[in-house]
Amino acid sequence: MIPTDAHPVAGSILEKGDFGSFMLQRIAELEARFGIRLGLAQKVLLAETGTVEQVLSILTNSNVRVKVVEQKENARTIVRQSIITNDAGKVLIKAHSKVFKRNLQAKVVSQIKRKELGIGTIIASFGLETFRRIVEVGYDPTRRSVFRKYQIICRKKVVFEIREELTGIEGGPGGI
């Protein structure tokens, strides 16, 4: 039974107002498990629940660009792979996104199909009220990179599922 003042997040029960310490604990567990040390920028991006493009611009002190590398569509979903780069063209994040078309307005789906903008920019430009739920944070020892999986929810329905690999965000002080 879940207490009335607790919230299920990423498979754990959180006491009300405890999300920050939960993420801090998950990140500490990740570092201990793989013997890695994450930088501040990596930690911020793993826990961040706003627009990644905006946060990356601030962390890198430069404009960032989203490039859709591949996009496929069927009757229910759009699956896209994209990269986010800095001004110098360095790949900072690789993202794999699944878009649930039936849960979005047609004009939003149309914008996604154009492959011109990142999902965060599209959400902001249409003024969609969304909530991001982090499902998993992890480390890929083969690629030596951290990643996170999250869902973006709008009107109580999952509209996006996204996995972001922080490929160009290094550990240690500064992190980029």
C-alpha atoms as a PDB file:
ATOM      1  CA  MET A   1       0.000   0.000   0.000  1.00  0.00           C
ATOM      2  CA  ILE A   2       1.363   3.433  -0.979  1.00  0.00           C
ATOM      3  CA  PRO A   3       1.110   6.093   1.744  1.00  0.00           C
ATOM      4  CA  THR A   4      -1.047   9.079   0.762  1.00  0.00           C
ATOM      5  CA  ASP A   5       1.916  11.473   1.037  1.00  0.00           C
ATOM      6  CA  ALA A   6       4.206   9.351  -1.198  1.00  0.00           C
ATOM      7  CA  HIS A   7       4.655   9.235  -4.975  1.00  0.00           C
ATOM      8  CA  PRO A   8       5.904   6.316  -7.104  1.00  0.00           C
ATOM      9  CA  VAL A   9       8.872   7.426  -9.223  1.00  0.00           C
ATOM     10  CA  ALA A  10      11.146   5.170 -11.285  1.00  0.00           C
ATOM     11  CA  GLY A  11      10.165   2.113  -9.309  1.00  0.00           C
ATOM     12  CA  SER A  12      10.574   3.675  -5.841  1.00  0.00           C
ATOM     13  CA  ILE A  13       8.278   5.343  -3.350  1.00  0.00           C
ATOM     14  CA  LEU A  14       9.061   8.969  -2.551  1.00  0.00           C
ATOM     15  CA  GLU A  15       7.912  10.950   0.386  1.00  0.00           C
ATOM     16  CA  LYS A  16       6.254  14.227  -0.583  1.00  0.00           C
ATOM     17  CA  GLY A  17       8.838  16.876  -1.568  1.00  0.00           C
ATOM     18  CA  ASP A  18      11.678  14.330  -1.735  1.00  0.00           C
ATOM     19  CA  PHE A  19      12.383  14.229  -5.496  1.00  0.00           C
ATOM     20  CA  GLY A  20      15.725  16.093  -5.272  1.00  0.00           C
ATOM     21  CA  SER A  21      17.216  13.709  -2.729  1.00  0.00           C
ATOM     22  CA  PHE A  22      15.840  10.737  -4.678  1.00  0.00           C
ATOM     23  CA  MET A  23      17.740  11.800  -7.813  1.00  0.00           C
ATOM     24  CA  LEU A  24      20.854  12.543  -5.763  1.00  0.00           C
ATOM     25  CA  GLN A  25      20.651   9.014  -4.333  1.00  0.00           C
ATOM     26  CA  ARG A  26      20.094   7.414  -7.767  1.00  0.00           C
ATOM     27  CA  ILE A  27      23.086   9.278  -9.203  1.00  0.00           C
ATOM     28  CA  ALA A  28      25.281   8.286  -6.228  1.00  0.00           C
ATOM     29  CA  GLU A  29      24.228   4.646  -6.732  1.00  0.00           C
ATOM     30  CA  LEU A  30      25.075   4.873 -10.431  1.00  0.00           C
ATOM     31  CA  GLU A  31      28.534   6.307  -9.662  1.00  0.00           C
ATOM     32  CA  ALA A  32      29.229   3.620  -7.026  1.00  0.00           C
ATOM     33  CA  ARG A  33      27.974   0.749  -9.179  1.00  0.00           C
ATOM     34  CA  PHE A  34      30.158   1.604 -12.177  1.00  0.00           C
ATOM     35  CA  GLY A  35      33.076   3.281 -10.367  1.00  0.00           C
ATOM     36  CA  ILE A  36      32.574   6.541 -12.252  1.00  0.00           C
ATOM     37  CA  ARG A  37      32.530  10.181 -11.209  1.00  0.00           C
ATOM     38  CA  LEU A  38      29.928  12.363 -12.916  1.00  0.00           C
ATOM     39  CA  GLY A  39      30.426  16.065 -13.438  1.00  0.00           C
ATOM     40  CA  LEU A  40      27.944  18.698 -12.404  1.00  0.00           C
ATOM     41  CA  ALA A  41      26.672  19.142 -15.983  1.00  0.00           C
ATOM     42  CA  GLN A  42      26.002  15.398 -16.285  1.00  0.00           C
ATOM     43  CA  LYS A  43      24.122  15.347 -12.980  1.00  0.00           C
ATOM     44  CA  VAL A  44      22.039  18.372 -13.944  1.00  0.00           C
ATOM     45  CA  LEU A  45      21.120  16.864 -17.309  1.00  0.00           C
ATOM     46  CA  LEU A  46      20.236  13.472 -15.808  1.00  0.00           C
ATOM     47  CA  ALA A  47      17.849  15.058 -13.296  1.00  0.00           C
ATOM     48  CA  GLU A  48      16.549  17.923 -15.448  1.00  0.00           C
ATOM     49  CA  THR A  49      12.816  17.867 -16.216  1.00  0.00           C
ATOM     50  CA  GLY A  50      12.528  20.954 -18.429  1.00  0.00           C
ATOM     51  CA  THR A  51      13.698  21.704 -21.957  1.00  0.00           C
ATOM     52  CA  VAL A  52      17.058  20.014 -22.561  1.00  0.00           C
ATOM     53  CA  GLU A  53      17.952  22.370 -25.416  1.00  0.00           C
ATOM     54  CA  GLN A  54      17.610  25.412 -23.155  1.00  0.00           C
ATOM     55  CA  VAL A  55      19.629  23.889 -20.301  1.00  0.00           C
ATOM     56  CA  LEU A  56      22.365  22.753 -22.710  1.00  0.00           C
ATOM     57  CA  SER A  57      22.614  26.260 -24.160  1.00  0.00           C
ATOM     58  CA  ILE A  58      23.179  27.646 -20.668  1.00  0.00           C
ATOM     59  CA  LEU A  59      25.653  24.920 -19.643  1.00  0.00           C
ATOM     60  CA  THR A  60      27.708  25.285 -22.844  1.00  0.00           C
ATOM     61  CA  ASN A  61      27.269  29.066 -23.102  1.00  0.00           C
ATOM     62  CA  SER A  62      26.482  28.595 -26.786  1.00  0.00           C
ATOM     63  CA  ASN A  63      23.632  27.914 -29.144  1.00  0.00           C
ATOM     64  CA  VAL A  64      22.742  24.280 -29.551  1.00  0.00           C
ATOM     65  CA  ARG A  65      21.193  22.677 -32.590  1.00  0.00           C
ATOM     66  CA  VAL A  66      18.976  19.643 -32.936  1.00  0.00           C
ATOM     67  CA  LYS A  67      19.472  17.567 -36.056  1.00  0.00           C
ATOM     68  CA  VAL A  68      17.064  14.749 -36.854  1.00  0.00           C
ATOM     69  CA  VAL A  69      19.280  11.945 -38.162  1.00  0.00           C
ATOM     70  CA  GLU A  70      16.527   9.438 -38.923  1.00  0.00           C
ATOM     71  CA  GLN A  71      12.757   9.426 -38.634  1.00  0.00           C
ATOM     72  CA  LYS A  72      10.274   6.644 -39.368  1.00  0.00           C
ATOM     73  CA  GLU A  73       6.518   6.672 -39.067  1.00  0.00           C
ATOM     74  CA  ASN A  74       3.712   4.164 -38.856  1.00  0.00           C
ATOM     75  CA  ALA A  75      -0.013   4.551 -38.109  1.00  0.00           C
ATOM     76  CA  ARG A  76       0.509   5.014 -34.357  1.00  0.00           C
ATOM     77  CA  THR A  77       3.996   6.383 -33.793  1.00  0.00           C
ATOM     78  CA  ILE A  78       6.893   8.398 -35.108  1.00  0.00           C
ATOM     79  CA  VAL A  79      10.322   7.124 -34.113  1.00  0.00           C
ATOM     80  CA  ARG A  80      13.186   9.548 -34.484  1.00  0.00           C
ATOM     81  CA  GLN A  81      16.865   9.598 -33.779  1.00  0.00           C
ATOM     82  CA  SER A  82      18.473  12.964 -33.329  1.00  0.00           C
ATOM     83  CA  ILE A  83      21.621  14.618 -32.084  1.00  0.00           C
ATOM     84  CA  ILE A  84      22.141  17.853 -30.216  1.00  0.00           C
ATOM     85  CA  THR A  85      25.347  19.717 -31.068  1.00  0.00           C
ATOM     86  CA  ASN A  86      27.050  22.881 -29.854  1.00  0.00           C
ATOM     87  CA  ASP A  87      28.276  25.777 -32.027  1.00  0.00           C
ATOM     88  CA  ALA A  88      31.473  23.871 -32.842  1.00  0.00           C
ATOM     89  CA  GLY A  89      29.497  20.864 -34.071  1.00  0.00           C
ATOM     90  CA  LYS A  90      30.411  18.638 -31.120  1.00  0.00           C
ATOM     91  CA  VAL A  91      27.702  16.043 -30.426  1.00  0.00           C
ATOM     92  CA  LEU A  92      26.521  16.569 -26.850  1.00  0.00           C
ATOM     93  CA  ILE A  93      23.489  14.276 -26.754  1.00  0.00           C
ATOM     94  CA  LYS A  94      22.142  11.445 -28.883  1.00  0.00           C
ATOM     95  CA  ALA A  95      18.402  10.985 -28.492  1.00  0.00           C
ATOM     96  CA  HIS A  96      15.999   8.248 -29.496  1.00  0.00           C
ATOM     97  CA  SER A  97      12.376   9.401 -29.303  1.00  0.00           C
ATOM     98  CA  LYS A  98       9.039   7.713 -29.750  1.00  0.00           C
ATOM     99  CA  VAL A  99       6.082   9.988 -30.474  1.00  0.00           C
ATOM    100  CA  PHE A 100       2.554   8.738 -29.803  1.00  0.00           C
ATOM    101  CA  LYS A 101       0.595  10.524 -32.527  1.00  0.00           C
ATOM    102  CA  ARG A 102      -2.919   9.804 -31.252  1.00  0.00           C
ATOM    103  CA  ASN A 103      -2.138  11.618 -27.985  1.00  0.00           C
ATOM    104  CA  LEU A 104      -1.078  14.861 -29.704  1.00  0.00           C
ATOM    105  CA  GLN A 105      -2.842  17.565 -31.665  1.00  0.00           C
ATOM    106  CA  ALA A 106      -2.538  17.191 -35.443  1.00  0.00           C
ATOM    107  CA  LYS A 107      -0.633  20.490 -35.765  1.00  0.00           C
ATOM    108  CA  VAL A 108       2.009  19.255 -33.301  1.00  0.00           C
ATOM    109  CA  VAL A 109       2.380  15.967 -35.169  1.00  0.00           C
ATOM    110  CA  SER A 110       2.679  17.906 -38.419  1.00  0.00           C
ATOM    111  CA  GLN A 111       5.529  19.984 -36.961  1.00  0.00           C
ATOM    112  CA  ILE A 112       7.338  16.845 -35.768  1.00  0.00           C
ATOM    113  CA  LYS A 113       7.042  15.298 -39.244  1.00  0.00           C
ATOM    114  CA  ARG A 114       8.883  18.291 -40.712  1.00  0.00           C
ATOM    115  CA  LYS A 115      12.086  17.263 -38.851  1.00  0.00           C
ATOM    116  CA  GLU A 116      13.142  20.897 -38.418  1.00  0.00           C
ATOM    117  CA  LEU A 117      12.940  21.360 -34.627  1.00  0.00           C
ATOM    118  CA  GLY A 118      13.700  19.490 -31.449  1.00  0.00           C
ATOM    119  CA  ILE A 119      10.858  18.119 -29.379  1.00  0.00           C
ATOM    120  CA  GLY A 120      11.484  20.595 -26.536  1.00  0.00           C
ATOM    121  CA  THR A 121      11.275  23.545 -28.930  1.00  0.00           C
ATOM    122  CA  ILE A 122       8.064  22.175 -30.448  1.00  0.00           C
ATOM    123  CA  ILE A 123       6.509  21.736 -27.004  1.00  0.00           C
ATOM    124  CA  ALA A 124       7.447  25.300 -26.055  1.00  0.00           C
ATOM    125  CA  SER A 125       6.297  26.832 -29.352  1.00  0.00           C
ATOM    126  CA  PHE A 126       2.829  25.270 -28.999  1.00  0.00           C
ATOM    127  CA  GLY A 127       2.622  26.085 -25.288  1.00  0.00           C
ATOM    128  CA  LEU A 128       1.890  22.476 -24.365  1.00  0.00           C
ATOM    129  CA  GLU A 129       1.516  21.878 -20.652  1.00  0.00           C
ATOM    130  CA  THR A 130       3.643  18.828 -20.009  1.00  0.00           C
ATOM    131  CA  PHE A 131       5.183  16.819 -17.214  1.00  0.00           C
ATOM    132  CA  ARG A 132       8.394  14.809 -17.529  1.00  0.00           C
ATOM    133  CA  ARG A 133       8.728  11.545 -15.625  1.00  0.00           C
ATOM    134  CA  ILE A 134      12.239  10.126 -15.415  1.00  0.00           C
ATOM    135  CA  VAL A 135      11.972   6.368 -15.771  1.00  0.00           C
ATOM    136  CA  GLU A 136      15.649   5.363 -15.619  1.00  0.00           C
ATOM    137  CA  VAL A 137      19.144   6.770 -15.275  1.00  0.00           C
ATOM    138  CA  GLY A 138      22.024   4.533 -16.237  1.00  0.00           C
ATOM    139  CA  TYR A 139      25.528   4.061 -17.553  1.00  0.00           C
ATOM    140  CA  ASP A 140      26.643   2.283 -20.725  1.00  0.00           C
ATOM    141  CA  PRO A 141      30.145   0.937 -19.989  1.00  0.00           C
ATOM    142  CA  THR A 142      30.742   0.046 -23.655  1.00  0.00           C
ATOM    143  CA  ARG A 143      30.194   3.640 -24.783  1.00  0.00           C
ATOM    144  CA  ARG A 144      31.357   5.069 -21.467  1.00  0.00           C
ATOM    145  CA  SER A 145      28.375   7.400 -21.327  1.00  0.00           C
ATOM    146  CA  VAL A 146      25.468   8.057 -19.017  1.00  0.00           C
ATOM    147  CA  PHE A 147      21.884   8.036 -20.217  1.00  0.00           C
ATOM    148  CA  ARG A 148      18.369   8.650 -19.036  1.00  0.00           C
ATOM    149  CA  LYS A 149      14.958   7.496 -20.176  1.00  0.00           C
ATOM    150  CA  TYR A 150      11.888   9.597 -19.570  1.00  0.00           C
ATOM    151  CA  GLN A 151       8.321  10.110 -20.615  1.00  0.00           C
ATOM    152  CA  ILE A 152       6.660  13.387 -21.476  1.00  0.00           C
ATOM    153  CA  ILE A 153       3.033  13.438 -20.411  1.00  0.00           C
ATOM    154  CA  CYS A 154       0.367  15.837 -21.667  1.00  0.00           C
ATOM    155  CA  ARG A 155      -3.275  15.714 -20.512  1.00  0.00           C
ATOM    156  CA  LYS A 156      -2.520  12.553 -18.496  1.00  0.00           C
ATOM    157  CA  LYS A 157      -1.312  10.672 -21.589  1.00  0.00           C
ATOM    158  CA  VAL A 158       2.223   9.728 -22.602  1.00  0.00           C
ATOM    159  CA  VAL A 159       2.994  11.712 -25.739  1.00  0.00           C
ATOM    160  CA  PHE A 160       6.763  11.049 -25.965  1.00  0.00           C
ATOM    161  CA  GLU A 161       9.191   8.421 -24.691  1.00  0.00           C
ATOM    162  CA  ILE A 162      12.796   9.573 -24.940  1.00  0.00           C
ATOM    163  CA  ARG A 163      16.197   8.031 -24.254  1.00  0.00           C
ATOM    164  CA  GLU A 164      19.067  10.517 -24.150  1.00  0.00           C
ATOM    165  CA  GLU A 165      22.707   9.482 -24.130  1.00  0.00           C
ATOM    166  CA  LEU A 166      25.027  12.210 -22.826  1.00  0.00           C
ATOM    167  CA  THR A 167      27.845  11.493 -25.259  1.00  0.00           C
ATOM    168  CA  GLY A 168      29.640  14.836 -25.256  1.00  0.00           C
ATOM    169  CA  ILE A 169      29.102  15.735 -21.617  1.00  0.00           C
ATOM    170  CA  GLU A 170      32.219  14.739 -19.682  1.00  0.00           C
ATOM    171  CA  GLY A 171      32.668  13.952 -15.990  1.00  0.00           C
ATOM    172  CA  GLY A 172      34.645  16.018 -13.545  1.00  0.00           C
ATOM    173  CA  PRO A 173      34.398  19.744 -12.788  1.00  0.00           C
ATOM    174  CA  GLY A 174      32.606  21.763 -15.443  1.00  0.00           C
ATOM    175  CA  GLY A 175      31.458  18.660 -17.259  1.00  0.00           C
ATOM    176  CA  ILE A 176      31.427  19.910 -20.853  1.00  0.00           C
END
